[in-house]
């Protein structure tokens, strides 16, 4: 696999230009290649992690839970990276999943994993793209909402419009429209639906 990128310099430049972490994984979810973003995330040259299982390469907190290493811990059954890559390798379509990645460093990342099946020189691989979506705020927990006007109580004790609160705590944006029930209620005598 590495020879493909050495011979094809344009492919290597293109591969390294993509800002998400990209790994080429084999059927044992071992890293056969990684782009520049992945190498920078791992703070490592490719030679230091090549053919290591993905969890060992990226510093998964569960990589040493079992003496056999990455892929054998009880937690590995639910690993979003491993499962998405395996589904792609054994399937024919792109697989996409969202999950969490706990690292040895203590960080916990929200990740989006996309894996695409690839056959190269008779071997099945997965091109696995991992995006850290931790910066995209997720609304969670108990949110107090006024039962009369639907304003939301924020962390500072202020009541805000629902739309403003969601825009400030997520990547969502609002555009106004009017539902069929309200059209009937407000304009029923003017508009025939």
N, C-alpha and C. Protein backbone atom coordinates (compact mmCIF):
# COMPACT_ATOMS: atom_id res chain seq x y z
N UNK A 1 0.84 -1.19 0.00
CA UNK A 1 0.00 0.00 0.00
C UNK A 1 0.87 1.25 0.00
N UNK A 2 1.91 1.26 0.82
CA UNK A 2 2.76 2.44 0.92
C UNK A 2 3.38 2.78 -0.44
N UNK A 3 3.68 1.76 -1.26
CA UNK A 3 4.29 1.98 -2.58
C UNK A 3 3.38 2.81 -3.48
N UNK A 4 2.08 2.63 -3.34
CA UNK A 4 1.12 3.41 -4.13
C UNK A 4 1.36 4.90 -3.91
N UNK A 5 1.56 5.31 -2.68
CA UNK A 5 1.75 6.72 -2.37
C UNK A 5 3.14 7.21 -2.73
N UNK A 6 4.12 6.33 -2.70
CA UNK A 6 5.47 6.73 -3.11
C UNK A 6 5.51 6.93 -4.62
N UNK A 7 4.92 5.99 -5.36
CA UNK A 7 4.91 6.07 -6.83
C UNK A 7 4.04 7.20 -7.33
N UNK A 8 2.95 7.40 -6.69
CA UNK A 8 1.97 8.38 -7.15
C UNK A 8 2.04 9.63 -6.28
N UNK A 9 2.98 10.50 -6.60
CA UNK A 9 3.20 11.66 -5.75
C UNK A 9 1.97 12.57 -5.66
N UNK A 10 1.21 12.70 -6.75
CA UNK A 10 0.01 13.54 -6.69
C UNK A 10 -0.98 12.98 -5.69
N UNK A 11 -1.15 11.66 -5.68
CA UNK A 11 -2.08 11.05 -4.73
C UNK A 11 -1.62 11.30 -3.30
N UNK A 12 -0.34 11.25 -3.07
CA UNK A 12 0.21 11.50 -1.74
C UNK A 12 -0.05 12.96 -1.32
N UNK A 13 0.16 13.90 -2.23
CA UNK A 13 -0.10 15.31 -1.94
C UNK A 13 -1.58 15.52 -1.65
N UNK A 14 -2.43 14.93 -2.45
CA UNK A 14 -3.88 15.04 -2.25
C UNK A 14 -4.30 14.42 -0.93
N UNK A 15 -3.79 13.24 -0.65
CA UNK A 15 -4.07 12.51 0.59
C UNK A 15 -3.68 13.36 1.80
N UNK A 16 -2.50 13.97 1.75
CA UNK A 16 -2.01 14.77 2.87
C UNK A 16 -2.69 16.13 2.98
N UNK A 17 -3.33 16.60 1.92
CA UNK A 17 -3.98 17.92 1.94
C UNK A 17 -5.32 17.90 2.68
N UNK A 18 -5.90 16.74 2.86
CA UNK A 18 -7.21 16.65 3.50
C UNK A 18 -7.05 16.86 5.01
N UNK A 19 -7.82 17.80 5.61
CA UNK A 19 -7.61 18.16 7.00
C UNK A 19 -8.13 17.15 8.03
N UNK A 20 -8.99 16.23 7.64
CA UNK A 20 -9.47 15.20 8.58
C UNK A 20 -8.42 14.10 8.68
N UNK A 21 -8.49 13.30 9.74
CA UNK A 21 -7.56 12.18 9.89
C UNK A 21 -8.01 11.07 8.96
N UNK A 22 -7.11 10.59 8.13
CA UNK A 22 -7.44 9.50 7.20
C UNK A 22 -6.46 8.36 7.42
N UNK A 23 -7.03 7.17 7.58
CA UNK A 23 -6.24 5.96 7.74
C UNK A 23 -6.67 4.94 6.68
N UNK A 24 -5.72 4.21 6.16
CA UNK A 24 -6.03 3.06 5.32
C UNK A 24 -5.81 1.85 6.23
N UNK A 25 -6.90 1.14 6.52
CA UNK A 25 -6.88 0.02 7.46
C UNK A 25 -7.09 -1.29 6.72
N UNK A 26 -6.41 -2.35 7.18
CA UNK A 26 -6.62 -3.66 6.58
C UNK A 26 -7.70 -4.41 7.37
N UNK A 27 -7.93 -5.68 7.04
CA UNK A 27 -9.02 -6.44 7.66
C UNK A 27 -8.79 -6.71 9.15
N UNK A 28 -7.59 -6.51 9.63
CA UNK A 28 -7.29 -6.62 11.07
C UNK A 28 -7.25 -5.24 11.71
N UNK A 29 -7.80 -4.24 11.01
CA UNK A 29 -7.85 -2.82 11.36
C UNK A 29 -6.48 -2.27 11.76
N UNK A 30 -5.44 -2.77 11.05
CA UNK A 30 -4.08 -2.24 11.22
C UNK A 30 -3.88 -1.07 10.25
N UNK A 31 -3.14 -0.07 10.68
CA UNK A 31 -2.88 1.11 9.88
C UNK A 31 -1.86 0.77 8.80
N UNK A 32 -2.24 0.93 7.52
CA UNK A 32 -1.33 0.71 6.40
C UNK A 32 -0.84 2.03 5.83
N UNK A 33 -1.56 3.10 6.09
CA UNK A 33 -1.16 4.44 5.66
C UNK A 33 -1.97 5.45 6.47
N UNK A 34 -1.41 6.64 6.63
CA UNK A 34 -2.12 7.71 7.34
C UNK A 34 -1.72 9.03 6.69
N UNK A 35 -2.68 9.94 6.60
CA UNK A 35 -2.36 11.24 5.99
C UNK A 35 -1.68 12.17 7.00
N UNK A 36 -1.30 13.34 6.53
CA UNK A 36 -0.56 14.31 7.35
C UNK A 36 -1.34 14.70 8.60
N UNK A 37 -2.64 14.94 8.47
CA UNK A 37 -3.45 15.34 9.63
C UNK A 37 -3.44 14.26 10.70
N UNK A 38 -3.53 13.00 10.29
CA UNK A 38 -3.51 11.89 11.24
C UNK A 38 -2.14 11.78 11.90
N UNK A 39 -1.09 11.93 11.12
CA UNK A 39 0.26 11.86 11.69
C UNK A 39 0.50 12.99 12.69
N UNK A 40 -0.01 14.18 12.38
CA UNK A 40 0.14 15.30 13.31
C UNK A 40 -0.66 15.05 14.59
N UNK A 41 -1.86 14.51 14.46
CA UNK A 41 -2.67 14.20 15.63
C UNK A 41 -1.94 13.20 16.53
N UNK A 42 -1.32 12.21 15.91
CA UNK A 42 -0.60 11.18 16.66
C UNK A 42 0.79 11.66 17.07
N UNK A 43 1.21 12.82 16.55
CA UNK A 43 2.53 13.36 16.82
C UNK A 43 3.61 12.31 16.55
N UNK A 44 3.50 11.72 15.34
CA UNK A 44 4.37 10.59 15.03
C UNK A 44 4.63 10.51 13.53
N UNK A 45 5.76 9.92 13.18
CA UNK A 45 6.00 9.62 11.77
C UNK A 45 5.33 8.29 11.47
N UNK A 46 5.06 8.05 10.20
CA UNK A 46 4.33 6.86 9.80
C UNK A 46 5.03 5.58 10.24
N UNK A 47 6.33 5.58 10.24
CA UNK A 47 7.08 4.37 10.60
C UNK A 47 6.80 3.93 12.03
N UNK A 48 6.44 4.87 12.91
CA UNK A 48 6.21 4.53 14.32
C UNK A 48 4.88 3.82 14.57
N UNK A 49 3.95 3.90 13.66
CA UNK A 49 2.65 3.26 13.91
C UNK A 49 2.20 2.35 12.78
N UNK A 50 2.93 2.31 11.69
CA UNK A 50 2.54 1.49 10.55
C UNK A 50 2.35 0.04 10.99
N UNK A 51 1.25 -0.54 10.59
CA UNK A 51 0.83 -1.91 10.90
C UNK A 51 0.48 -2.14 12.37
N UNK A 52 0.37 -1.07 13.15
CA UNK A 52 -0.21 -1.18 14.48
C UNK A 52 -1.73 -1.12 14.31
N UNK A 53 -2.47 -1.75 15.19
CA UNK A 53 -3.92 -1.63 15.13
C UNK A 53 -4.29 -0.18 15.43
N UNK A 54 -5.40 0.25 14.85
CA UNK A 54 -5.79 1.66 14.88
C UNK A 54 -5.83 2.23 16.30
N UNK A 55 -6.41 1.51 17.26
CA UNK A 55 -6.50 2.01 18.63
C UNK A 55 -5.15 2.25 19.26
N UNK A 56 -4.18 1.38 18.95
CA UNK A 56 -2.82 1.56 19.46
C UNK A 56 -2.16 2.77 18.80
N UNK A 57 -2.42 2.95 17.52
CA UNK A 57 -1.82 4.05 16.79
C UNK A 57 -2.33 5.41 17.27
N UNK A 58 -3.62 5.50 17.57
CA UNK A 58 -4.19 6.80 17.94
C UNK A 58 -4.21 7.06 19.44
N UNK A 59 -3.86 6.06 20.24
CA UNK A 59 -3.81 6.25 21.69
C UNK A 59 -5.12 6.05 22.41
N UNK A 60 -5.91 5.07 21.95
CA UNK A 60 -7.18 4.76 22.61
C UNK A 60 -6.91 4.29 24.04
N UNK A 61 -7.74 4.74 24.96
CA UNK A 61 -7.58 4.41 26.37
C UNK A 61 -7.72 2.90 26.63
N UNK A 62 -8.38 2.19 25.73
CA UNK A 62 -8.65 0.75 25.93
C UNK A 62 -7.66 -0.16 25.21
N UNK A 63 -6.64 0.41 24.59
CA UNK A 63 -5.71 -0.40 23.80
C UNK A 63 -4.98 -1.47 24.60
N UNK A 64 -4.82 -1.28 25.90
CA UNK A 64 -4.09 -2.25 26.73
C UNK A 64 -4.99 -2.96 27.75
N UNK A 65 -6.31 -2.85 27.60
CA UNK A 65 -7.23 -3.52 28.52
C UNK A 65 -7.10 -5.04 28.45
N UNK A 66 -6.72 -5.54 27.30
CA UNK A 66 -6.54 -6.98 27.08
C UNK A 66 -5.08 -7.18 26.67
N UNK A 67 -4.43 -8.25 27.14
CA UNK A 67 -3.02 -8.46 26.78
C UNK A 67 -2.78 -8.59 25.27
N UNK A 68 -3.81 -8.96 24.53
CA UNK A 68 -3.67 -9.09 23.06
C UNK A 68 -3.70 -7.72 22.37
N UNK A 69 -4.07 -6.66 23.10
CA UNK A 69 -4.04 -5.31 22.56
C UNK A 69 -5.36 -4.84 21.97
N UNK A 70 -5.25 -3.86 21.11
CA UNK A 70 -6.40 -3.22 20.47
C UNK A 70 -7.26 -4.25 19.75
N UNK A 71 -8.56 -4.14 19.97
CA UNK A 71 -9.52 -5.00 19.30
C UNK A 71 -10.03 -6.16 20.13
N UNK A 72 -9.46 -6.37 21.31
CA UNK A 72 -9.83 -7.54 22.11
C UNK A 72 -10.48 -7.20 23.44
N UNK A 73 -10.47 -5.95 23.83
CA UNK A 73 -11.10 -5.52 25.08
C UNK A 73 -12.62 -5.62 24.94
N UNK A 74 -13.29 -5.68 26.08
CA UNK A 74 -14.76 -5.67 26.05
C UNK A 74 -15.28 -4.40 25.39
N UNK A 75 -14.57 -3.29 25.57
CA UNK A 75 -14.98 -2.01 24.98
C UNK A 75 -14.84 -2.01 23.46
N UNK A 76 -13.95 -2.84 22.94
CA UNK A 76 -13.69 -2.85 21.50
C UNK A 76 -14.90 -3.29 20.69
N UNK A 77 -15.77 -4.09 21.29
CA UNK A 77 -16.97 -4.52 20.57
C UNK A 77 -17.82 -3.33 20.14
N UNK A 78 -17.75 -2.23 20.91
CA UNK A 78 -18.54 -1.04 20.61
C UNK A 78 -17.73 0.08 19.98
N UNK A 79 -16.47 -0.20 19.61
CA UNK A 79 -15.60 0.83 19.05
C UNK A 79 -16.14 1.29 17.69
N UNK A 80 -16.45 2.57 17.61
CA UNK A 80 -17.04 3.13 16.39
C UNK A 80 -16.05 3.08 15.22
N UNK A 81 -14.77 3.26 15.49
CA UNK A 81 -13.78 3.23 14.41
C UNK A 81 -13.64 1.80 13.88
N UNK A 82 -13.39 0.86 14.78
CA UNK A 82 -13.21 -0.54 14.40
C UNK A 82 -14.44 -1.08 13.66
N UNK A 83 -15.63 -0.87 14.22
CA UNK A 83 -16.84 -1.43 13.63
C UNK A 83 -17.17 -0.82 12.28
N UNK A 84 -16.95 0.49 12.14
CA UNK A 84 -17.23 1.14 10.86
C UNK A 84 -16.26 0.65 9.80
N UNK A 85 -14.98 0.51 10.16
CA UNK A 85 -13.98 0.01 9.21
C UNK A 85 -14.27 -1.43 8.81
N UNK A 86 -14.60 -2.28 9.77
CA UNK A 86 -14.89 -3.69 9.47
C UNK A 86 -16.12 -3.81 8.57
N UNK A 87 -17.16 -3.05 8.86
CA UNK A 87 -18.36 -3.07 8.01
C UNK A 87 -18.02 -2.68 6.58
N UNK A 88 -17.18 -1.67 6.41
CA UNK A 88 -16.79 -1.23 5.06
C UNK A 88 -15.95 -2.31 4.37
N UNK A 89 -14.99 -2.88 5.08
CA UNK A 89 -14.12 -3.90 4.48
C UNK A 89 -14.93 -5.11 4.02
N UNK A 90 -15.91 -5.51 4.81
CA UNK A 90 -16.70 -6.69 4.47
C UNK A 90 -17.96 -6.36 3.66
N UNK A 91 -18.13 -5.11 3.31
CA UNK A 91 -19.30 -4.70 2.55
C UNK A 91 -18.90 -4.07 1.24
N UNK A 92 -19.84 -3.37 0.65
CA UNK A 92 -19.57 -2.74 -0.65
C UNK A 92 -19.90 -1.26 -0.65
N UNK A 93 -20.29 -0.74 0.51
CA UNK A 93 -20.69 0.67 0.53
C UNK A 93 -20.01 1.42 1.67
N UNK A 94 -20.10 2.73 1.59
CA UNK A 94 -19.53 3.60 2.62
C UNK A 94 -20.35 3.45 3.89
N UNK A 95 -19.67 3.36 5.01
CA UNK A 95 -20.33 3.27 6.31
C UNK A 95 -19.97 4.53 7.08
N UNK A 96 -20.95 5.04 7.83
CA UNK A 96 -20.73 6.28 8.58
C UNK A 96 -21.33 6.13 9.96
N UNK A 97 -20.57 6.52 10.99
CA UNK A 97 -21.05 6.40 12.37
C UNK A 97 -20.52 7.55 13.20
N UNK A 98 -21.24 7.84 14.27
CA UNK A 98 -20.84 8.88 15.20
C UNK A 98 -20.61 8.22 16.56
N UNK A 99 -19.60 8.67 17.28
CA UNK A 99 -19.34 8.09 18.59
C UNK A 99 -18.34 8.89 19.37
N UNK A 100 -17.79 8.26 20.41
CA UNK A 100 -16.81 8.91 21.28
C UNK A 100 -15.50 8.13 21.22
N UNK A 101 -14.41 8.85 21.41
CA UNK A 101 -13.08 8.26 21.45
C UNK A 101 -12.39 8.75 22.71
N UNK A 102 -12.12 7.83 23.63
CA UNK A 102 -11.41 8.17 24.86
C UNK A 102 -9.93 7.87 24.65
N UNK A 103 -9.09 8.87 24.92
CA UNK A 103 -7.66 8.75 24.67
C UNK A 103 -6.88 8.59 25.98
N UNK A 104 -5.70 7.99 25.86
CA UNK A 104 -4.80 7.82 27.00
C UNK A 104 -4.49 9.17 27.65
N UNK A 105 -4.46 10.22 26.84
CA UNK A 105 -4.15 11.56 27.35
C UNK A 105 -5.23 12.10 28.28
N UNK A 106 -6.38 11.41 28.35
CA UNK A 106 -7.49 11.86 29.18
C UNK A 106 -8.56 12.59 28.40
N UNK A 107 -8.26 12.95 27.16
CA UNK A 107 -9.25 13.62 26.31
C UNK A 107 -10.34 12.64 25.90
N UNK A 108 -11.55 13.16 25.75
CA UNK A 108 -12.62 12.37 25.16
C UNK A 108 -13.17 13.19 24.01
N UNK A 109 -13.10 12.63 22.82
CA UNK A 109 -13.51 13.34 21.62
C UNK A 109 -14.82 12.78 21.09
N UNK A 110 -15.65 13.66 20.58
CA UNK A 110 -16.81 13.24 19.80
C UNK A 110 -16.31 13.13 18.37
N UNK A 111 -16.53 11.98 17.74
CA UNK A 111 -16.00 11.77 16.41
C UNK A 111 -17.07 11.31 15.44
N UNK A 112 -16.84 11.63 14.18
CA UNK A 112 -17.64 11.14 13.07
C UNK A 112 -16.70 10.31 12.22
N UNK A 113 -17.05 9.05 11.99
CA UNK A 113 -16.19 8.12 11.26
C UNK A 113 -16.89 7.70 9.97
N UNK A 114 -16.18 7.85 8.86
CA UNK A 114 -16.68 7.39 7.56
C UNK A 114 -15.66 6.41 7.00
N UNK A 115 -16.11 5.24 6.61
CA UNK A 115 -15.21 4.23 6.05
C UNK A 115 -15.74 3.75 4.72
N UNK A 116 -14.83 3.66 3.77
CA UNK A 116 -15.17 3.23 2.42
C UNK A 116 -14.35 2.00 2.06
N UNK A 117 -14.99 0.98 1.47
CA UNK A 117 -14.23 -0.21 1.09
C UNK A 117 -13.36 0.06 -0.14
N UNK A 118 -12.15 -0.49 -0.12
CA UNK A 118 -11.21 -0.36 -1.24
C UNK A 118 -10.53 -1.70 -1.43
N UNK A 119 -10.40 -2.14 -2.69
CA UNK A 119 -9.63 -3.34 -2.99
C UNK A 119 -8.40 -2.88 -3.75
N UNK A 120 -7.23 -3.27 -3.24
CA UNK A 120 -5.97 -2.90 -3.86
C UNK A 120 -5.08 -4.13 -3.89
N UNK A 121 -4.62 -4.49 -5.08
CA UNK A 121 -3.79 -5.67 -5.29
C UNK A 121 -4.39 -6.90 -4.62
N UNK A 122 -5.70 -7.07 -4.78
CA UNK A 122 -6.40 -8.25 -4.28
C UNK A 122 -6.69 -8.24 -2.79
N UNK A 123 -6.31 -7.20 -2.08
CA UNK A 123 -6.54 -7.11 -0.64
C UNK A 123 -7.65 -6.11 -0.34
N UNK A 124 -8.48 -6.43 0.64
CA UNK A 124 -9.55 -5.53 1.07
C UNK A 124 -9.02 -4.56 2.12
N UNK A 125 -9.33 -3.29 1.92
CA UNK A 125 -8.94 -2.24 2.85
C UNK A 125 -10.14 -1.34 3.12
N UNK A 126 -9.99 -0.52 4.11
CA UNK A 126 -10.97 0.52 4.41
C UNK A 126 -10.23 1.85 4.45
N UNK A 127 -10.73 2.81 3.69
CA UNK A 127 -10.24 4.18 3.83
C UNK A 127 -11.15 4.80 4.88
N UNK A 128 -10.58 5.07 6.04
CA UNK A 128 -11.36 5.53 7.19
C UNK A 128 -11.01 6.97 7.51
N UNK A 129 -12.03 7.82 7.46
CA UNK A 129 -11.88 9.24 7.74
C UNK A 129 -12.48 9.50 9.12
N UNK A 130 -11.69 10.11 10.00
CA UNK A 130 -12.15 10.42 11.35
C UNK A 130 -12.13 11.93 11.51
N UNK A 131 -13.28 12.48 11.88
CA UNK A 131 -13.39 13.91 12.10
C UNK A 131 -13.73 14.16 13.56
N UNK A 132 -12.97 15.04 14.18
CA UNK A 132 -13.24 15.45 15.56
C UNK A 132 -14.35 16.49 15.51
N UNK A 133 -15.52 16.11 16.00
CA UNK A 133 -16.66 17.04 15.99
C UNK A 133 -16.95 17.57 17.39
N UNK A 134 -15.94 17.49 18.26
CA UNK A 134 -16.09 17.95 19.64
C UNK A 134 -16.43 19.42 19.72
N UNK A 135 -15.95 20.22 18.76
CA UNK A 135 -16.22 21.65 18.80
C UNK A 135 -17.66 21.99 18.46
N UNK A 136 -18.35 21.06 17.84
CA UNK A 136 -19.76 21.28 17.55
C UNK A 136 -20.51 20.98 18.83
N UNK A 137 -21.03 22.02 19.43
CA UNK A 137 -21.68 21.87 20.74
C UNK A 137 -22.91 20.98 20.62
N UNK A 138 -23.07 20.14 21.61
CA UNK A 138 -24.26 19.29 21.67
C UNK A 138 -25.10 19.75 22.85
N UNK A 139 -26.38 19.86 22.62
CA UNK A 139 -27.28 20.19 23.71
C UNK A 139 -27.52 18.91 24.49
N UNK A 140 -27.34 18.96 25.78
CA UNK A 140 -27.59 17.80 26.60
C UNK A 140 -27.94 18.24 28.01
N UNK A 141 -28.49 17.33 28.76
CA UNK A 141 -28.87 17.63 30.13
C UNK A 141 -30.28 18.17 30.21
N UNK A 142 -30.63 18.64 31.39
CA UNK A 142 -31.96 19.17 31.64
C UNK A 142 -31.98 20.66 31.31
N UNK A 143 -32.86 21.06 30.42
CA UNK A 143 -32.97 22.45 30.00
C UNK A 143 -34.33 22.96 30.47
N UNK A 144 -34.33 24.03 31.25
CA UNK A 144 -35.58 24.57 31.77
C UNK A 144 -36.20 25.49 30.73
N UNK A 145 -37.48 25.23 30.40
CA UNK A 145 -38.21 26.01 29.41
C UNK A 145 -39.50 26.54 30.03
N UNK A 146 -39.82 27.79 29.75
CA UNK A 146 -41.04 28.40 30.28
C UNK A 146 -42.25 27.73 29.63
N UNK A 147 -43.21 27.32 30.44
CA UNK A 147 -44.39 26.63 29.90
C UNK A 147 -45.36 27.60 29.22
N UNK A 148 -45.13 28.90 29.36
CA UNK A 148 -46.01 29.86 28.73
C UNK A 148 -45.42 30.42 27.43
N UNK A 149 -44.20 30.97 27.50
CA UNK A 149 -43.63 31.64 26.31
C UNK A 149 -42.54 30.84 25.61
N UNK A 150 -42.14 29.69 26.19
CA UNK A 150 -41.11 28.80 25.63
C UNK A 150 -39.70 29.39 25.65
N UNK A 151 -39.45 30.41 26.49
CA UNK A 151 -38.07 30.88 26.63
C UNK A 151 -37.29 29.86 27.45
N UNK A 152 -35.97 29.85 27.23
CA UNK A 152 -35.07 28.90 27.88
C UNK A 152 -34.23 29.63 28.92
N UNK A 153 -34.06 29.02 30.10
CA UNK A 153 -33.22 29.57 31.14
C UNK A 153 -31.78 29.15 30.85
N UNK A 154 -30.89 30.15 30.64
CA UNK A 154 -29.49 29.82 30.31
C UNK A 154 -28.66 29.64 31.58
N UNK A 155 -27.38 29.32 31.40
CA UNK A 155 -26.48 29.06 32.51
C UNK A 155 -26.23 30.28 33.39
N UNK A 156 -26.50 31.48 32.86
CA UNK A 156 -26.30 32.72 33.62
C UNK A 156 -27.56 33.22 34.30
N UNK A 157 -28.64 32.45 34.21
CA UNK A 157 -29.88 32.83 34.86
C UNK A 157 -30.78 33.75 34.05
N UNK A 158 -30.47 33.92 32.75
CA UNK A 158 -31.30 34.76 31.89
C UNK A 158 -32.23 33.91 31.04
N UNK A 159 -33.41 34.46 30.77
CA UNK A 159 -34.37 33.77 29.91
C UNK A 159 -34.18 34.25 28.48
N UNK A 160 -33.94 33.33 27.56
CA UNK A 160 -33.69 33.64 26.15
C UNK A 160 -34.71 32.94 25.26
N UNK A 161 -34.93 33.56 24.09
CA UNK A 161 -35.79 32.90 23.10
C UNK A 161 -35.20 31.54 22.77
N UNK A 162 -36.03 30.57 22.51
CA UNK A 162 -35.61 29.21 22.18
C UNK A 162 -34.62 29.21 21.01
N UNK A 163 -34.92 29.98 19.98
CA UNK A 163 -34.06 30.02 18.80
C UNK A 163 -32.66 30.52 19.16
N UNK A 164 -32.60 31.58 19.95
CA UNK A 164 -31.30 32.15 20.33
C UNK A 164 -30.48 31.14 21.14
N UNK A 165 -31.14 30.47 22.09
CA UNK A 165 -30.45 29.50 22.93
C UNK A 165 -29.86 28.37 22.08
N UNK A 166 -30.64 27.83 21.18
CA UNK A 166 -30.16 26.72 20.34
C UNK A 166 -29.04 27.20 19.42
N UNK A 167 -29.16 28.39 18.84
CA UNK A 167 -28.10 28.91 17.98
C UNK A 167 -26.79 29.10 18.74
N UNK A 168 -26.87 29.53 20.02
CA UNK A 168 -25.67 29.76 20.82
C UNK A 168 -25.04 28.47 21.34
N UNK A 169 -25.81 27.40 21.41
CA UNK A 169 -25.32 26.15 21.98
C UNK A 169 -25.19 25.02 20.95
N UNK A 170 -25.31 25.35 19.68
CA UNK A 170 -25.15 24.32 18.65
C UNK A 170 -24.75 25.00 17.34
N UNK A 171 -24.63 24.22 16.31
CA UNK A 171 -24.33 24.75 14.99
C UNK A 171 -25.61 25.02 14.19
N UNK A 172 -26.77 24.82 14.80
CA UNK A 172 -28.05 25.01 14.12
C UNK A 172 -28.33 26.50 13.91
N UNK A 173 -28.98 26.79 12.81
CA UNK A 173 -29.46 28.13 12.52
C UNK A 173 -30.94 28.03 12.20
N UNK A 174 -31.66 29.11 12.39
CA UNK A 174 -33.10 29.08 12.18
C UNK A 174 -33.51 29.92 10.98
N UNK A 175 -34.54 29.44 10.33
CA UNK A 175 -35.21 30.15 9.26
C UNK A 175 -36.70 30.02 9.57
N UNK A 176 -37.43 31.09 9.45
CA UNK A 176 -38.83 31.03 9.83
C UNK A 176 -39.72 30.56 8.69
N UNK A 177 -40.74 29.87 9.07
CA UNK A 177 -41.77 29.38 8.16
C UNK A 177 -43.07 29.36 8.94
N UNK A 178 -44.08 28.77 8.36
CA UNK A 178 -45.37 28.66 9.06
C UNK A 178 -45.96 27.29 8.74
N UNK A 179 -46.36 26.58 9.76
CA UNK A 179 -46.88 25.23 9.59
C UNK A 179 -48.33 25.27 9.08
N UNK A 180 -48.82 24.18 8.49
CA UNK A 180 -50.19 24.14 7.96
C UNK A 180 -51.26 24.44 9.00
N UNK A 181 -51.07 23.97 10.24
CA UNK A 181 -52.06 24.23 11.30
C UNK A 181 -52.18 25.72 11.60
N UNK A 182 -51.03 26.40 11.67
CA UNK A 182 -51.05 27.85 11.95
C UNK A 182 -51.58 28.64 10.76
N UNK A 183 -51.32 28.19 9.55
CA UNK A 183 -51.88 28.85 8.36
C UNK A 183 -53.40 28.83 8.46
N UNK A 184 -53.95 27.66 8.79
CA UNK A 184 -55.41 27.54 8.92
C UNK A 184 -55.94 28.45 10.03
N UNK A 185 -55.25 28.42 11.18
CA UNK A 185 -55.70 29.20 12.33
C UNK A 185 -55.61 30.70 12.07
N UNK A 186 -54.50 31.17 11.46
CA UNK A 186 -54.28 32.59 11.27
C UNK A 186 -54.91 33.15 9.99
N UNK A 187 -54.89 32.34 8.94
CA UNK A 187 -55.30 32.85 7.62
C UNK A 187 -56.39 32.00 6.97
N UNK A 188 -57.06 31.19 7.77
CA UNK A 188 -58.05 30.27 7.24
C UNK A 188 -59.13 30.91 6.40
N UNK A 189 -59.54 32.13 6.77
CA UNK A 189 -60.60 32.79 6.02
C UNK A 189 -60.08 33.44 4.75
N UNK A 190 -58.76 33.61 4.63
CA UNK A 190 -58.16 34.24 3.44
C UNK A 190 -57.64 33.20 2.45
N UNK A 191 -56.96 32.20 2.98
CA UNK A 191 -56.31 31.17 2.14
C UNK A 191 -57.09 29.88 2.24
N UNK A 192 -57.45 29.36 1.09
CA UNK A 192 -58.13 28.06 1.03
C UNK A 192 -57.05 27.01 0.80
N UNK A 193 -56.89 26.03 1.74
CA UNK A 193 -55.87 24.99 1.60
C UNK A 193 -56.46 23.68 1.16
